[in-house]
Protein backbone atom coordinates (compact mmCIF):
# COMPACT_ATOMS: atom_id res chain seq x y z
CA MET A 1 2.24 -1.49 -19.06
CA SER A 2 -0.33 -2.91 -16.20
CA ARG A 3 -0.91 -1.73 -12.90
CA LYS A 4 0.24 -3.73 -10.07
CA VAL A 5 -1.46 -4.18 -6.63
CA PHE A 6 0.88 -4.62 -3.78
CA VAL A 7 -0.75 -6.45 -0.67
CA VAL A 8 0.72 -6.00 2.14
CA ASN A 9 0.17 -8.95 3.93
CA ASN A 10 -1.13 -12.96 2.37
CA SER A 11 -2.98 -13.73 5.67
CA GLY A 12 -5.43 -16.09 4.06
CA HIS A 13 -8.24 -13.93 2.85
CA ASP A 14 -9.22 -13.85 -0.72
CA PHE A 15 -8.01 -10.68 -2.56
CA SER A 16 -9.40 -11.59 -6.09
CA THR A 17 -11.44 -8.93 -6.38
CA ALA A 18 -9.13 -6.64 -5.97
CA GLU A 19 -7.48 -8.22 -9.38
CA GLU A 20 -9.87 -5.92 -11.30
CA PHE A 21 -7.12 -2.93 -10.21
CA GLY A 22 -3.87 -5.24 -11.71
CA GLU A 23 -1.60 -8.07 -10.98
CA LEU A 24 -1.85 -9.20 -7.04
CA VAL A 25 1.90 -9.05 -5.62
CA TYR A 26 2.36 -10.18 -2.03
CA LEU A 27 4.56 -8.27 0.02
CA SER A 28 4.69 -10.51 2.64
CA GLU A 29 2.83 -14.28 4.45
CA GLY A 30 1.42 -15.28 7.28
CA MET A 31 2.33 -14.03 11.05
CA PHE A 32 4.89 -11.30 11.75
CA ASN A 33 6.72 -10.02 15.18
CA SER A 34 5.03 -6.49 15.26
CA PHE A 35 8.14 -5.19 16.73
CA ASP A 36 10.23 -7.00 14.24
CA LEU A 37 10.10 -2.91 11.91
CA ASN A 38 13.16 -3.27 10.15
CA LYS A 39 12.45 -6.44 8.37
CA MET A 40 9.25 -5.20 7.32
CA TYR A 41 11.26 -2.42 5.64
CA ARG A 42 13.75 -4.57 4.31
CA MET A 43 11.28 -6.33 2.63
CA PHE A 44 9.15 -4.12 1.42
CA ALA A 45 11.79 -1.70 -0.24
CA GLU A 46 12.93 -5.36 -2.68
CA LEU A 47 9.51 -5.72 -3.98
CA LEU A 48 8.70 -2.28 -3.84
CA VAL A 49 11.14 -1.15 -6.16
CA ASP A 50 9.55 -2.24 -9.09
CA SER A 51 6.55 -0.12 -8.22
CA THR A 52 5.03 2.85 -10.29
CA PRO A 53 3.01 6.04 -9.55
CA GLU A 54 0.03 4.05 -10.77
CA ASP A 55 0.33 0.67 -8.58
CA TYR A 56 -1.56 0.48 -5.65
CA ILE A 57 -1.07 -0.49 -2.16
CA LEU A 58 -3.85 -3.53 -0.46
CA MET A 59 -4.09 -2.59 3.19
CA SER A 60 -4.16 -6.09 5.19
CA GLY A 61 -1.91 -7.27 8.21
CA LEU A 62 -0.38 -5.51 10.86
CA PRO A 63 -1.18 -1.31 10.62
CA GLN A 64 3.06 -1.44 11.28
CA MET A 65 3.05 -3.25 7.88
CA ASN A 66 0.46 -0.71 6.22
CA MET A 67 2.48 2.21 7.68
CA ILE A 68 5.78 0.96 6.31
CA ALA A 69 4.59 -0.07 2.70
CA SER A 70 2.47 3.34 3.01
CA ALA A 71 5.74 5.19 4.10
CA ILE A 72 8.01 3.37 0.82
CA PHE A 73 5.54 3.75 -1.53
CA GLY A 74 5.02 7.67 -0.97
CA TYR A 75 8.41 8.20 -0.43
CA MET A 76 9.31 6.99 -3.95
CA HIS A 77 6.02 8.35 -6.07
CA GLY A 78 5.13 11.48 -3.57
CA ARG A 79 1.77 9.57 -3.17
CA VAL A 80 0.20 6.82 -2.46
CA ASN A 81 -2.90 4.85 -4.19
CA ILE A 82 -4.61 2.77 -1.35
CA LEU A 83 -7.03 0.07 -2.29
CA LEU A 84 -9.59 -0.70 1.09
CA TYR A 85 -12.11 -3.10 1.19
CA SER A 86 -15.58 -2.01 1.82
CA SER A 87 -17.53 -4.97 3.29
CA ARG A 88 -20.66 -2.91 2.56
CA ASN A 89 -20.51 -2.75 -1.02
CA ASN A 90 -17.92 -6.40 -0.89
CA ASN A 91 -15.39 -4.78 -3.35
CA TYR A 92 -12.35 -2.66 -2.92
CA GLN A 93 -12.47 1.03 -3.08
CA PHE A 94 -9.53 3.45 -4.58
CA LYS A 95 -8.30 6.05 -2.31
CA GLU A 96 -5.54 8.43 -3.49
CA ILE A 97 -3.09 10.75 -0.94
CA VAL A 98 -0.83 13.30 -3.26
CA LEU A 99 1.29 13.89 -0.73
CA GLY A 100 2.90 17.58 0.68
CA ASN A 101 -0.79 19.09 -1.12
CA LEU A 102 -2.17 20.70 2.25
CA ILE A 103 1.13 20.67 3.89
CA ASP A 104 2.51 22.80 1.08
CA ASN A 105 -0.66 24.85 0.86
CA ASN A 106 -0.88 25.76 4.70
CA ARG A 107 2.87 26.85 4.49
CA ASN A 108 2.13 28.81 1.31
CA ASN A 109 -0.97 30.85 3.55
CA ASP A 110 1.65 31.50 6.44
């Protein structure tokens, strides 16, 4: 099974260097009303339903869009695999957040 890279917003940038991580799948394209969170949620949920825990979220577009895509992915898989563009290295860097690890550890220490 090949991994997918869910690009939050296709805003006209060249995302081709992210293809080394997997097949690019665009969650949205172009301009969005930053207050239309329900529309973003519905669109992203429909496309992310086919995601796996090994897939990635490539941050792009409005902060609200990135937050919603990450929240859906995290809810589904208990983690978020994020691709962030590094202009210094001219490539994407992978960051993984396993949800609940730090929170559970802090609760156990109380």
